[in-house]
Amino acid sequence: MTARIVVLDPMAPARADRLRALLPPGFALTHATERGDAHLKRIVADADFAISGQVAVSGDVLRAATRLKLLHKWGVGVDNFDLDAARALGIAVARTTGSNAVPVAEFAIGLMLATLRHMAHGHAGLHQGRWRAPTPRDPFTLSGKTVGIVGFGAIGRTVARLLAGFRCEILYAKPTKLPPAEEAALGVRHAALDDLLARADVVSLHCPLTPATAGMIDAAALARMKRSAILVNVARGGVVVEADLVRALRDGTILAAASDVFDTEPLPADSELLGLENMTVTPHLAAMAADNFEPTVRRMFDNIARAARGEALPPGDIVVP
């Protein structure tokens, strides 16, 4: 029998065809054509396996899936899944841990440079017919700065490795400290979050969204940062209290910020973040890289094929057994 995979994110036919070209034998793939739980419940009803990247997968959607064996994240963060419902229904959940580490880490450094050096401002100015329009604030280099990395999994560690050429002092905050030899190899030092916020010129967020990290960067956290510091968020929008960030950018509590992720996605057209000259925004692009597409998809499909054969998945990829 052919096993049915449904991708819950809407996509263009050409992208779906790229996925089908990588399917293992014995599988067929369909995908969402619109957003909303009503549509998702219809298309997941007879699916054996489901994949979601950025689309939220609610308990209602999972309860409509009468044959679902595995829900697979296209990427890493599973905060858009109702994991409690998956456990209760006996639906396994997996992800491709570390698969997007390089694209997201590169993007984070790109946002650091774009924010410090006013790249978006210069780009927009030229499109408006202005040559070298006065920048809203002084530009700064990244080289030699103190960078604080909040969350130090695969992405945070990759950021640290890529920053080596910038001669940055790198601090990291995570619940457990790395062994000294590993810190030395990465050129990093552990710091408590409050200390990191106070010392860093660039604070880069790479932690998952959990009850412990939700709203972690609030008014009090922003007030601990240097007035000359910038904040970069490629983690999840919910880690930052957006209203507090807007106030901090308006009153000069911090110099500037950049974010690829937001509380509500797509970002509403009336979001206050869009009206700030010291805020750089991108529409959740960090994990997207054409040369990372095939390796990630092959790994995801391999996990699905393993589940179909009743084999164990790589331990690091299992979220709900």
C-alpha atoms as a PDB file:
ATOM      1  CA  MET A   1       0.000   0.000   0.000  1.00  0.00           C
ATOM      2  CA  THR A   2       1.047   3.574  -0.635  1.00  0.00           C
ATOM      3  CA  ALA A   3       1.464   5.625   2.537  1.00  0.00           C
ATOM      4  CA  ARG A   4       0.075   9.149   2.412  1.00  0.00           C
ATOM      5  CA  ILE A   5       2.088  12.166   3.592  1.00  0.00           C
ATOM      6  CA  VAL A   6       0.355  15.525   3.883  1.00  0.00           C
ATOM      7  CA  VAL A   7       2.251  18.804   4.244  1.00  0.00           C
ATOM      8  CA  LEU A   8       0.123  21.183   6.303  1.00  0.00           C
ATOM      9  CA  ASP A   9       1.798  24.341   5.013  1.00  0.00           C
ATOM     10  CA  PRO A  10       0.328  25.794   1.800  1.00  0.00           C
ATOM     11  CA  MET A  11       2.897  25.776  -0.994  1.00  0.00           C
ATOM     12  CA  ALA A  12       3.317  26.408  -4.681  1.00  0.00           C
ATOM     13  CA  PRO A  13       2.935  23.399  -6.994  1.00  0.00           C
ATOM     14  CA  ALA A  14       6.578  23.678  -8.070  1.00  0.00           C
ATOM     15  CA  ARG A  15       7.767  23.325  -4.477  1.00  0.00           C
ATOM     16  CA  ALA A  16       5.488  20.325  -3.960  1.00  0.00           C
ATOM     17  CA  ASP A  17       6.982  18.731  -7.069  1.00  0.00           C
ATOM     18  CA  ARG A  18      10.474  19.206  -5.617  1.00  0.00           C
ATOM     19  CA  LEU A  19       9.332  17.343  -2.518  1.00  0.00           C
ATOM     20  CA  ARG A  20       7.775  14.519  -4.535  1.00  0.00           C
ATOM     21  CA  ALA A  21      11.022  14.048  -6.447  1.00  0.00           C
ATOM     22  CA  LEU A  22      12.715  13.153  -3.138  1.00  0.00           C
ATOM     23  CA  LEU A  23      10.019  10.787  -1.817  1.00  0.00           C
ATOM     24  CA  PRO A  24      11.091   7.254  -0.897  1.00  0.00           C
ATOM     25  CA  PRO A  25       9.291   4.447  -2.755  1.00  0.00           C
ATOM     26  CA  GLY A  26       5.832   3.640  -1.449  1.00  0.00           C
ATOM     27  CA  PHE A  27       4.815   7.170  -0.461  1.00  0.00           C
ATOM     28  CA  ALA A  28       2.513   9.790  -1.973  1.00  0.00           C
ATOM     29  CA  LEU A  29       2.452  13.463  -0.976  1.00  0.00           C
ATOM     30  CA  THR A  30      -0.241  16.114  -0.925  1.00  0.00           C
ATOM     31  CA  HIS A  31      -0.276  19.549   0.678  1.00  0.00           C
ATOM     32  CA  ALA A  32      -2.491  22.272   2.066  1.00  0.00           C
ATOM     33  CA  THR A  33      -3.903  24.822  -0.340  1.00  0.00           C
ATOM     34  CA  GLU A  34      -5.245  27.254   2.250  1.00  0.00           C
ATOM     35  CA  ARG A  35      -4.844  28.162   5.911  1.00  0.00           C
ATOM     36  CA  GLY A  36      -7.128  27.388   8.828  1.00  0.00           C
ATOM     37  CA  ASP A  37      -8.020  24.404  10.978  1.00  0.00           C
ATOM     38  CA  ALA A  38     -11.128  23.506   8.963  1.00  0.00           C
ATOM     39  CA  HIS A  39      -9.018  22.843   5.873  1.00  0.00           C
ATOM     40  CA  LEU A  40      -6.273  21.095   7.852  1.00  0.00           C
ATOM     41  CA  LYS A  41      -8.775  18.741   9.462  1.00  0.00           C
ATOM     42  CA  ARG A  42     -10.073  17.716   6.054  1.00  0.00           C
ATOM     43  CA  ILE A  43      -6.691  16.982   4.521  1.00  0.00           C
ATOM     44  CA  VAL A  44      -5.193  15.234   7.569  1.00  0.00           C
ATOM     45  CA  ALA A  45      -8.162  12.938   8.114  1.00  0.00           C
ATOM     46  CA  ASP A  46      -6.763  10.000   6.138  1.00  0.00           C
ATOM     47  CA  ALA A  47      -3.047  10.843   6.269  1.00  0.00           C
ATOM     48  CA  ASP A  48      -0.506   8.367   7.600  1.00  0.00           C
ATOM     49  CA  PHE A  49       2.116  11.063   8.168  1.00  0.00           C
ATOM     50  CA  ALA A  50       1.964  14.853   8.462  1.00  0.00           C
ATOM     51  CA  ILE A  51       4.613  17.541   8.068  1.00  0.00           C
ATOM     52  CA  SER A  52       4.411  21.137   9.278  1.00  0.00           C
ATOM     53  CA  GLY A  53       6.918  23.937   9.089  1.00  0.00           C
ATOM     54  CA  GLN A  54       5.333  27.153  10.352  1.00  0.00           C
ATOM     55  CA  VAL A  55       1.649  26.177  10.439  1.00  0.00           C
ATOM     56  CA  ALA A  56       0.168  25.666  13.902  1.00  0.00           C
ATOM     57  CA  VAL A  57      -1.074  22.119  14.504  1.00  0.00           C
ATOM     58  CA  SER A  58      -3.806  22.200  17.126  1.00  0.00           C
ATOM     59  CA  GLY A  59      -5.332  19.411  19.154  1.00  0.00           C
ATOM     60  CA  ASP A  60      -8.483  19.713  17.035  1.00  0.00           C
ATOM     61  CA  VAL A  61      -6.462  19.023  13.893  1.00  0.00           C
ATOM     62  CA  LEU A  62      -4.725  16.049  15.482  1.00  0.00           C
ATOM     63  CA  ARG A  63      -7.999  14.579  16.707  1.00  0.00           C
ATOM     64  CA  ALA A  64      -9.266  14.649  13.117  1.00  0.00           C
ATOM     65  CA  ALA A  65      -6.302  12.517  12.014  1.00  0.00           C
ATOM     66  CA  THR A  66      -7.637   8.988  12.407  1.00  0.00           C
ATOM     67  CA  ARG A  67      -4.591   7.220  10.897  1.00  0.00           C
ATOM     68  CA  LEU A  68      -1.713   9.526  11.765  1.00  0.00           C
ATOM     69  CA  LYS A  69       1.423   7.738  12.973  1.00  0.00           C
ATOM     70  CA  LEU A  70       3.891  10.615  12.998  1.00  0.00           C
ATOM     71  CA  LEU A  71       3.795  14.419  12.928  1.00  0.00           C
ATOM     72  CA  HIS A  72       7.123  15.724  11.654  1.00  0.00           C
ATOM     73  CA  LYS A  73       8.448  19.244  12.015  1.00  0.00           C
ATOM     74  CA  TRP A  74      10.082  20.686   8.905  1.00  0.00           C
ATOM     75  CA  GLY A  75      12.833  22.269  10.942  1.00  0.00           C
ATOM     76  CA  VAL A  76      13.438  22.289  14.673  1.00  0.00           C
ATOM     77  CA  GLY A  77      11.097  24.363  16.872  1.00  0.00           C
ATOM     78  CA  VAL A  78       7.917  22.514  17.851  1.00  0.00           C
ATOM     79  CA  ASP A  79       6.183  25.310  19.768  1.00  0.00           C
ATOM     80  CA  ASN A  80       3.554  25.401  16.997  1.00  0.00           C
ATOM     81  CA  PHE A  81       2.462  21.828  17.827  1.00  0.00           C
ATOM     82  CA  ASP A  82       0.007  20.755  20.541  1.00  0.00           C
ATOM     83  CA  LEU A  83       2.366  18.198  22.047  1.00  0.00           C
ATOM     84  CA  ASP A  84       0.009  17.286  24.888  1.00  0.00           C
ATOM     85  CA  ALA A  85      -2.664  16.327  22.381  1.00  0.00           C
ATOM     86  CA  ALA A  86      -0.150  14.310  20.360  1.00  0.00           C
ATOM     87  CA  ARG A  87       0.879  12.360  23.465  1.00  0.00           C
ATOM     88  CA  ALA A  88      -2.720  11.725  24.468  1.00  0.00           C
ATOM     89  CA  LEU A  89      -3.568  10.468  20.966  1.00  0.00           C
ATOM     90  CA  GLY A  90      -0.474   8.297  20.644  1.00  0.00           C
ATOM     91  CA  ILE A  91       0.902  10.307  17.721  1.00  0.00           C
ATOM     92  CA  ALA A  92       4.693  10.433  17.587  1.00  0.00           C
ATOM     93  CA  VAL A  93       6.390  13.783  16.927  1.00  0.00           C
ATOM     94  CA  ALA A  94       9.842  14.264  15.399  1.00  0.00           C
ATOM     95  CA  ARG A  95      12.078  16.987  13.996  1.00  0.00           C
ATOM     96  CA  THR A  96      15.399  17.339  12.170  1.00  0.00           C
ATOM     97  CA  THR A  97      17.544  18.591  15.022  1.00  0.00           C
ATOM     98  CA  GLY A  98      20.337  20.877  13.867  1.00  0.00           C
ATOM     99  CA  SER A  99      19.312  20.714  10.210  1.00  0.00           C
ATOM    100  CA  ASN A 100      18.907  24.491   9.878  1.00  0.00           C
ATOM    101  CA  ALA A 101      21.792  25.499  12.140  1.00  0.00           C
ATOM    102  CA  VAL A 102      24.017  26.948   9.413  1.00  0.00           C
ATOM    103  CA  PRO A 103      21.307  28.890   7.523  1.00  0.00           C
ATOM    104  CA  VAL A 104      19.854  30.378  10.716  1.00  0.00           C
ATOM    105  CA  ALA A 105      23.268  31.192  12.196  1.00  0.00           C
ATOM    106  CA  GLU A 106      24.383  32.917   8.996  1.00  0.00           C
ATOM    107  CA  PHE A 107      21.121  34.865   8.901  1.00  0.00           C
ATOM    108  CA  ALA A 108      21.567  35.974  12.517  1.00  0.00           C
ATOM    109  CA  ILE A 109      25.013  37.347  11.737  1.00  0.00           C
ATOM    110  CA  GLY A 110      23.555  38.987   8.634  1.00  0.00           C
ATOM    111  CA  LEU A 111      20.993  40.757  10.801  1.00  0.00           C
ATOM    112  CA  MET A 112      23.741  41.866  13.187  1.00  0.00           C
ATOM    113  CA  LEU A 113      25.689  43.417  10.305  1.00  0.00           C
ATOM    114  CA  ALA A 114      22.606  44.895   8.640  1.00  0.00           C
ATOM    115  CA  THR A 115      21.524  46.545  11.882  1.00  0.00           C
ATOM    116  CA  LEU A 116      24.936  47.829  12.912  1.00  0.00           C
ATOM    117  CA  ARG A 117      25.792  49.125   9.423  1.00  0.00           C
ATOM    118  CA  HIS A 118      22.366  50.411   8.240  1.00  0.00           C
ATOM    119  CA  MET A 119      22.176  48.184   5.178  1.00  0.00           C
ATOM    120  CA  ALA A 120      18.376  48.233   4.986  1.00  0.00           C
ATOM    121  CA  HIS A 121      18.383  52.016   5.379  1.00  0.00           C
ATOM    122  CA  GLY A 122      20.843  52.463   2.526  1.00  0.00           C
ATOM    123  CA  HIS A 123      18.937  50.028   0.303  1.00  0.00           C
ATOM    124  CA  ALA A 124      15.630  51.791   0.913  1.00  0.00           C
ATOM    125  CA  GLY A 125      17.231  55.200   0.373  1.00  0.00           C
ATOM    126  CA  LEU A 126      18.530  54.286  -3.072  1.00  0.00           C
ATOM    127  CA  HIS A 127      15.131  52.955  -4.093  1.00  0.00           C
ATOM    128  CA  GLN A 128      13.702  56.321  -3.042  1.00  0.00           C
ATOM    129  CA  GLY A 129      16.282  58.198  -5.133  1.00  0.00           C
ATOM    130  CA  ARG A 130      18.442  59.280  -2.184  1.00  0.00           C
ATOM    131  CA  TRP A 131      22.201  58.763  -2.437  1.00  0.00           C
ATOM    132  CA  ARG A 132      23.852  58.165   0.918  1.00  0.00           C
ATOM    133  CA  ALA A 133      20.965  59.565   2.919  1.00  0.00           C
ATOM    134  CA  PRO A 134      21.979  60.494   6.485  1.00  0.00           C
ATOM    135  CA  THR A 135      21.812  57.439   8.714  1.00  0.00           C
ATOM    136  CA  PRO A 136      19.480  57.553  11.721  1.00  0.00           C
ATOM    137  CA  ARG A 137      22.403  56.773  14.060  1.00  0.00           C
ATOM    138  CA  ASP A 138      26.139  56.102  13.906  1.00  0.00           C
ATOM    139  CA  PRO A 139      27.208  52.870  12.160  1.00  0.00           C
ATOM    140  CA  PHE A 140      29.362  50.368  14.056  1.00  0.00           C
ATOM    141  CA  THR A 141      31.471  47.343  13.160  1.00  0.00           C
ATOM    142  CA  LEU A 142      30.777  43.886  14.538  1.00  0.00           C
ATOM    143  CA  SER A 143      34.463  43.041  14.854  1.00  0.00           C
ATOM    144  CA  GLY A 144      35.760  43.105  18.408  1.00  0.00           C
ATOM    145  CA  LYS A 145      32.344  43.478  20.008  1.00  0.00           C
ATOM    146  CA  THR A 146      30.985  41.397  22.889  1.00  0.00           C
ATOM    147  CA  VAL A 147      28.221  39.117  21.610  1.00  0.00           C
ATOM    148  CA  GLY A 148      25.860  37.422  24.031  1.00  0.00           C
ATOM    149  CA  ILE A 149      24.198  34.257  22.726  1.00  0.00           C
ATOM    150  CA  VAL A 150      21.049  33.296  24.626  1.00  0.00           C
ATOM    151  CA  GLY A 151      20.411  29.602  24.068  1.00  0.00           C
ATOM    152  CA  PHE A 152      23.340  27.461  23.021  1.00  0.00           C
ATOM    153  CA  GLY A 153      22.089  24.519  21.024  1.00  0.00           C
ATOM    154  CA  ALA A 154      23.119  23.703  17.465  1.00  0.00           C
ATOM    155  CA  ILE A 155      22.283  27.178  16.150  1.00  0.00           C
ATOM    156  CA  GLY A 156      23.866  29.117  18.997  1.00  0.00           C
ATOM    157  CA  ARG A 157      27.064  27.071  18.729  1.00  0.00           C
ATOM    158  CA  THR A 158      27.208  27.641  14.987  1.00  0.00           C
ATOM    159  CA  VAL A 159      26.853  31.395  15.544  1.00  0.00           C
ATOM    160  CA  ALA A 160      29.818  31.200  17.930  1.00  0.00           C
ATOM    161  CA  ARG A 161      31.923  29.323  15.356  1.00  0.00           C
ATOM    162  CA  LEU A 162      31.081  31.774  12.579  1.00  0.00           C
ATOM    163  CA  LEU A 163      31.895  34.754  14.802  1.00  0.00           C
ATOM    164  CA  ALA A 164      35.438  33.510  15.377  1.00  0.00           C
ATOM    165  CA  GLY A 165      36.711  35.530  12.416  1.00  0.00           C
ATOM    166  CA  PHE A 166      35.233  38.718  13.876  1.00  0.00           C
ATOM    167  CA  ARG A 167      37.418  38.498  17.008  1.00  0.00           C
ATOM    168  CA  CYS A 168      34.357  38.900  19.218  1.00  0.00           C
ATOM    169  CA  GLU A 169      34.209  38.107  22.895  1.00  0.00           C
ATOM    170  CA  ILE A 170      31.409  35.559  23.059  1.00  0.00           C
ATOM    171  CA  LEU A 171      29.261  34.925  26.117  1.00  0.00           C
ATOM    172  CA  TYR A 172      26.546  32.286  26.222  1.00  0.00           C
ATOM    173  CA  ALA A 173      23.614  31.728  28.551  1.00  0.00           C
ATOM    174  CA  LYS A 174      22.054  28.322  29.002  1.00  0.00           C
ATOM    175  CA  PRO A 175      20.878  26.361  32.042  1.00  0.00           C
ATOM    176  CA  THR A 176      23.890  24.032  32.105  1.00  0.00           C
ATOM    177  CA  LYS A 177      27.474  25.125  31.601  1.00  0.00           C
ATOM    178  CA  LEU A 178      29.610  23.371  28.987  1.00  0.00           C
ATOM    179  CA  PRO A 179      32.758  21.480  30.039  1.00  0.00           C
ATOM    180  CA  PRO A 180      35.829  23.753  30.078  1.00  0.00           C
ATOM    181  CA  ALA A 181      37.424  21.976  27.101  1.00  0.00           C
ATOM    182  CA  GLU A 182      34.318  22.543  24.983  1.00  0.00           C
ATOM    183  CA  GLU A 183      34.154  26.203  25.979  1.00  0.00           C
ATOM    184  CA  ALA A 184      37.797  26.605  25.025  1.00  0.00           C
ATOM    185  CA  ALA A 185      37.279  24.913  21.662  1.00  0.00           C
ATOM    186  CA  LEU A 186      34.390  27.248  20.844  1.00  0.00           C
ATOM    187  CA  GLY A 187      36.053  30.327  22.335  1.00  0.00           C
ATOM    188  CA  VAL A 188      33.087  31.107  24.598  1.00  0.00           C
ATOM    189  CA  ARG A 189      32.401  31.770  28.267  1.00  0.00           C
ATOM    190  CA  HIS A 190      29.273  30.995  30.250  1.00  0.00           C
ATOM    191  CA  ALA A 191      27.367  33.884  31.846  1.00  0.00           C
ATOM    192  CA  ALA A 192      24.160  34.260  33.781  1.00  0.00           C
ATOM    193  CA  LEU A 193      21.472  35.909  31.658  1.00  0.00           C
ATOM    194  CA  ASP A 194      21.454  39.165  33.632  1.00  0.00           C
ATOM    195  CA  ASP A 195      25.251  39.435  33.362  1.00  0.00           C
ATOM    196  CA  LEU A 196      25.158  38.661  29.630  1.00  0.00           C
ATOM    197  CA  LEU A 197      22.519  41.325  29.011  1.00  0.00           C
ATOM    198  CA  ALA A 198      24.558  43.920  30.889  1.00  0.00           C
ATOM    199  CA  ARG A 199      27.846  43.176  29.103  1.00  0.00           C
ATOM    200  CA  ALA A 200      26.913  42.377  25.502  1.00  0.00           C
ATOM    201  CA  ASP A 201      27.037  44.832  22.618  1.00  0.00           C
ATOM    202  CA  VAL A 202      24.920  42.369  20.614  1.00  0.00           C
ATOM    203  CA  VAL A 203      22.360  40.069  22.246  1.00  0.00           C
ATOM    204  CA  SER A 204      21.392  37.237  19.898  1.00  0.00           C
ATOM    205  CA  LEU A 205      18.434  34.993  20.804  1.00  0.00           C
ATOM    206  CA  HIS A 206      18.583  31.281  19.924  1.00  0.00           C
ATOM    207  CA  CYS A 207      16.525  29.626  22.655  1.00  0.00           C
ATOM    208  CA  PRO A 208      13.362  27.563  22.096  1.00  0.00           C
ATOM    209  CA  LEU A 209       9.982  28.994  23.061  1.00  0.00           C
ATOM    210  CA  THR A 210       8.962  27.240  26.279  1.00  0.00           C
ATOM    211  CA  PRO A 211       7.049  28.287  29.395  1.00  0.00           C
ATOM    212  CA  ALA A 212      10.419  29.249  30.891  1.00  0.00           C
ATOM    213  CA  THR A 213      11.480  31.469  27.975  1.00  0.00           C
ATOM    214  CA  ALA A 214       8.125  32.998  26.983  1.00  0.00           C
ATOM    215  CA  GLY A 215       8.344  36.759  27.529  1.00  0.00           C
ATOM    216  CA  MET A 216      11.898  36.402  28.864  1.00  0.00           C
ATOM    217  CA  ILE A 217      13.085  39.558  27.094  1.00  0.00           C
ATOM    218  CA  ASP A 218      10.748  42.055  28.716  1.00  0.00           C
ATOM    219  CA  ALA A 219      11.101  45.650  29.879  1.00  0.00           C
ATOM    220  CA  ALA A 220      13.303  44.649  32.811  1.00  0.00           C
ATOM    221  CA  ALA A 221      15.607  42.578  30.602  1.00  0.00           C
ATOM    222  CA  LEU A 222      15.873  45.341  28.001  1.00  0.00           C
ATOM    223  CA  ALA A 223      16.677  47.863  30.744  1.00  0.00           C
ATOM    224  CA  ARG A 224      19.683  45.725  31.744  1.00  0.00           C
ATOM    225  CA  MET A 225      21.187  46.052  28.274  1.00  0.00           C
ATOM    226  CA  LYS A 226      23.594  48.803  27.248  1.00  0.00           C
ATOM    227  CA  ARG A 227      21.999  51.812  25.583  1.00  0.00           C
ATOM    228  CA  SER A 228      24.440  51.168  22.724  1.00  0.00           C
ATOM    229  CA  ALA A 229      23.438  47.488  22.375  1.00  0.00           C
ATOM    230  CA  ILE A 230      21.355  45.777  19.711  1.00  0.00           C
ATOM    231  CA  LEU A 231      19.007  42.815  20.044  1.00  0.00           C
ATOM    232  CA  VAL A 232      18.693  40.126  17.337  1.00  0.00           C
ATOM    233  CA  ASN A 233      15.894  37.554  17.439  1.00  0.00           C
ATOM    234  CA  VAL A 234      15.863  34.529  15.136  1.00  0.00           C
ATOM    235  CA  ALA A 235      14.427  32.271  17.849  1.00  0.00           C
ATOM    236  CA  ARG A 236      10.679  32.751  18.337  1.00  0.00           C
ATOM    237  CA  GLY A 237       8.605  35.909  18.597  1.00  0.00           C
ATOM    238  CA  GLY A 238       7.153  34.919  21.954  1.00  0.00           C
ATOM    239  CA  VAL A 239      10.553  35.080  23.651  1.00  0.00           C
ATOM    240  CA  VAL A 240      10.343  38.894  23.414  1.00  0.00           C
ATOM    241  CA  VAL A 241       7.535  41.047  24.773  1.00  0.00           C
ATOM    242  CA  GLU A 242       6.952  43.071  21.624  1.00  0.00           C
ATOM    243  CA  ALA A 243       5.225  46.001  23.322  1.00  0.00           C
ATOM    244  CA  ASP A 244       8.202  46.338  25.690  1.00  0.00           C
ATOM    245  CA  LEU A 245      10.617  46.190  22.746  1.00  0.00           C
ATOM    246  CA  VAL A 246       8.712  48.943  20.927  1.00  0.00           C
ATOM    247  CA  ARG A 247       8.960  51.174  23.997  1.00  0.00           C
ATOM    248  CA  ALA A 248      12.662  50.391  24.474  1.00  0.00           C
ATOM    249  CA  LEU A 249      13.431  51.301  20.861  1.00  0.00           C
ATOM    250  CA  ARG A 250      11.396  54.504  21.020  1.00  0.00           C
ATOM    251  CA  ASP A 251      12.903  55.797  24.239  1.00  0.00           C
ATOM    252  CA  GLY A 252      16.485  54.746  23.533  1.00  0.00           C
ATOM    253  CA  THR A 253      16.750  52.035  26.180  1.00  0.00           C
ATOM    254  CA  ILE A 254      18.653  50.071  23.520  1.00  0.00           C
ATOM    255  CA  LEU A 255      20.153  51.281  20.253  1.00  0.00           C
ATOM    256  CA  ALA A 256      18.381  49.032  17.756  1.00  0.00           C
ATOM    257  CA  ALA A 257      16.922  45.585  17.114  1.00  0.00           C
ATOM    258  CA  ALA A 258      16.326  43.083  14.336  1.00  0.00           C
ATOM    259  CA  SER A 259      13.836  40.250  14.217  1.00  0.00           C
ATOM    260  CA  ASP A 260      12.918  37.475  11.818  1.00  0.00           C
ATOM    261  CA  VAL A 261      10.166  36.110  14.098  1.00  0.00           C
ATOM    262  CA  PHE A 262       7.084  37.634  15.698  1.00  0.00           C
ATOM    263  CA  ASP A 263       4.253  36.965  18.136  1.00  0.00           C
ATOM    264  CA  THR A 264       1.769  36.925  15.260  1.00  0.00           C
ATOM    265  CA  GLU A 265       2.825  35.614  11.865  1.00  0.00           C
ATOM    266  CA  PRO A 266       2.373  36.886   9.236  1.00  0.00           C
ATOM    267  CA  LEU A 267       3.249  40.176  10.944  1.00  0.00           C
ATOM    268  CA  PRO A 268       0.158  42.433  10.841  1.00  0.00           C
ATOM    269  CA  ALA A 269       0.460  45.448   8.560  1.00  0.00           C
ATOM    270  CA  ASP A 270      -0.356  47.746  11.481  1.00  0.00           C
ATOM    271  CA  SER A 271       2.350  46.345  13.786  1.00  0.00           C
ATOM    272  CA  GLU A 272       4.168  49.084  15.670  1.00  0.00           C
ATOM    273  CA  LEU A 273       7.441  47.324  14.877  1.00  0.00           C
ATOM    274  CA  LEU A 274       7.098  48.440  11.252  1.00  0.00           C
ATOM    275  CA  GLY A 275       7.125  52.132  12.123  1.00  0.00           C
ATOM    276  CA  LEU A 276      10.493  52.183  13.903  1.00  0.00           C
ATOM    277  CA  GLU A 277      13.596  53.437  12.106  1.00  0.00           C
ATOM    278  CA  ASN A 278      15.830  51.448  14.481  1.00  0.00           C
ATOM    279  CA  MET A 279      14.069  48.110  13.860  1.00  0.00           C
ATOM    280  CA  THR A 280      15.054  45.726  11.049  1.00  0.00           C
ATOM    281  CA  VAL A 281      12.407  43.127  10.181  1.00  0.00           C
ATOM    282  CA  THR A 282      12.354  40.071   7.903  1.00  0.00           C
ATOM    283  CA  PRO A 283       9.454  37.626   7.342  1.00  0.00           C
ATOM    284  CA  HIS A 284      10.687  34.404   9.037  1.00  0.00           C
ATOM    285  CA  LEU A 285      13.310  33.697   6.372  1.00  0.00           C
ATOM    286  CA  ALA A 286      16.272  32.548   8.465  1.00  0.00           C
ATOM    287  CA  ALA A 287      15.964  28.802   7.873  1.00  0.00           C
ATOM    288  CA  MET A 288      15.356  29.113   4.128  1.00  0.00           C
ATOM    289  CA  ALA A 289      18.335  28.257   1.936  1.00  0.00           C
ATOM    290  CA  ALA A 290      18.037  26.458  -1.400  1.00  0.00           C
ATOM    291  CA  ASP A 291      21.184  24.425  -0.824  1.00  0.00           C
ATOM    292  CA  ASN A 292      19.843  23.194   2.521  1.00  0.00           C
ATOM    293  CA  PHE A 293      16.499  22.062   1.067  1.00  0.00           C
ATOM    294  CA  GLU A 294      17.432  18.609  -0.189  1.00  0.00           C
ATOM    295  CA  PRO A 295      19.551  17.472   2.804  1.00  0.00           C
ATOM    296  CA  THR A 296      16.810  18.494   5.252  1.00  0.00           C
ATOM    297  CA  VAL A 297      13.989  16.932   3.228  1.00  0.00           C
ATOM    298  CA  ARG A 298      15.892  13.682   2.714  1.00  0.00           C
ATOM    299  CA  ARG A 299      16.522  13.442   6.449  1.00  0.00           C
ATOM    300  CA  MET A 300      12.856  14.175   7.205  1.00  0.00           C
ATOM    301  CA  PHE A 301      11.651  11.583   4.683  1.00  0.00           C
ATOM    302  CA  ASP A 302      14.134   9.065   6.093  1.00  0.00           C
ATOM    303  CA  ASN A 303      12.578   9.530   9.538  1.00  0.00           C
ATOM    304  CA  ILE A 304       9.108   8.997   8.058  1.00  0.00           C
ATOM    305  CA  ALA A 305      10.264   5.872   6.195  1.00  0.00           C
ATOM    306  CA  ARG A 306      11.776   4.515   9.419  1.00  0.00           C
ATOM    307  CA  ALA A 307       8.499   5.108  11.251  1.00  0.00           C
ATOM    308  CA  ALA A 308       6.593   3.372   8.450  1.00  0.00           C
ATOM    309  CA  ARG A 309       8.841   0.307   8.837  1.00  0.00           C
ATOM    310  CA  GLY A 310       8.440   0.344  12.603  1.00  0.00           C
ATOM    311  CA  GLU A 311      12.090   1.253  13.167  1.00  0.00           C
ATOM    312  CA  ALA A 312      13.466   3.587  15.814  1.00  0.00           C
ATOM    313  CA  LEU A 313      14.189   7.202  14.859  1.00  0.00           C
ATOM    314  CA  PRO A 314      17.486   8.913  15.754  1.00  0.00           C
ATOM    315  CA  PRO A 315      17.183   9.784  19.462  1.00  0.00           C
ATOM    316  CA  GLY A 316      17.995  13.450  18.897  1.00  0.00           C
ATOM    317  CA  ASP A 317      15.090  13.819  16.461  1.00  0.00           C
ATOM    318  CA  ILE A 318      12.416  12.373  18.764  1.00  0.00           C
ATOM    319  CA  VAL A 319      10.139  14.880  20.499  1.00  0.00           C
ATOM    320  CA  VAL A 320       7.216  12.599  21.404  1.00  0.00           C
ATOM    321  CA  PRO A 321       8.026   8.850  21.188  1.00  0.00           C
END
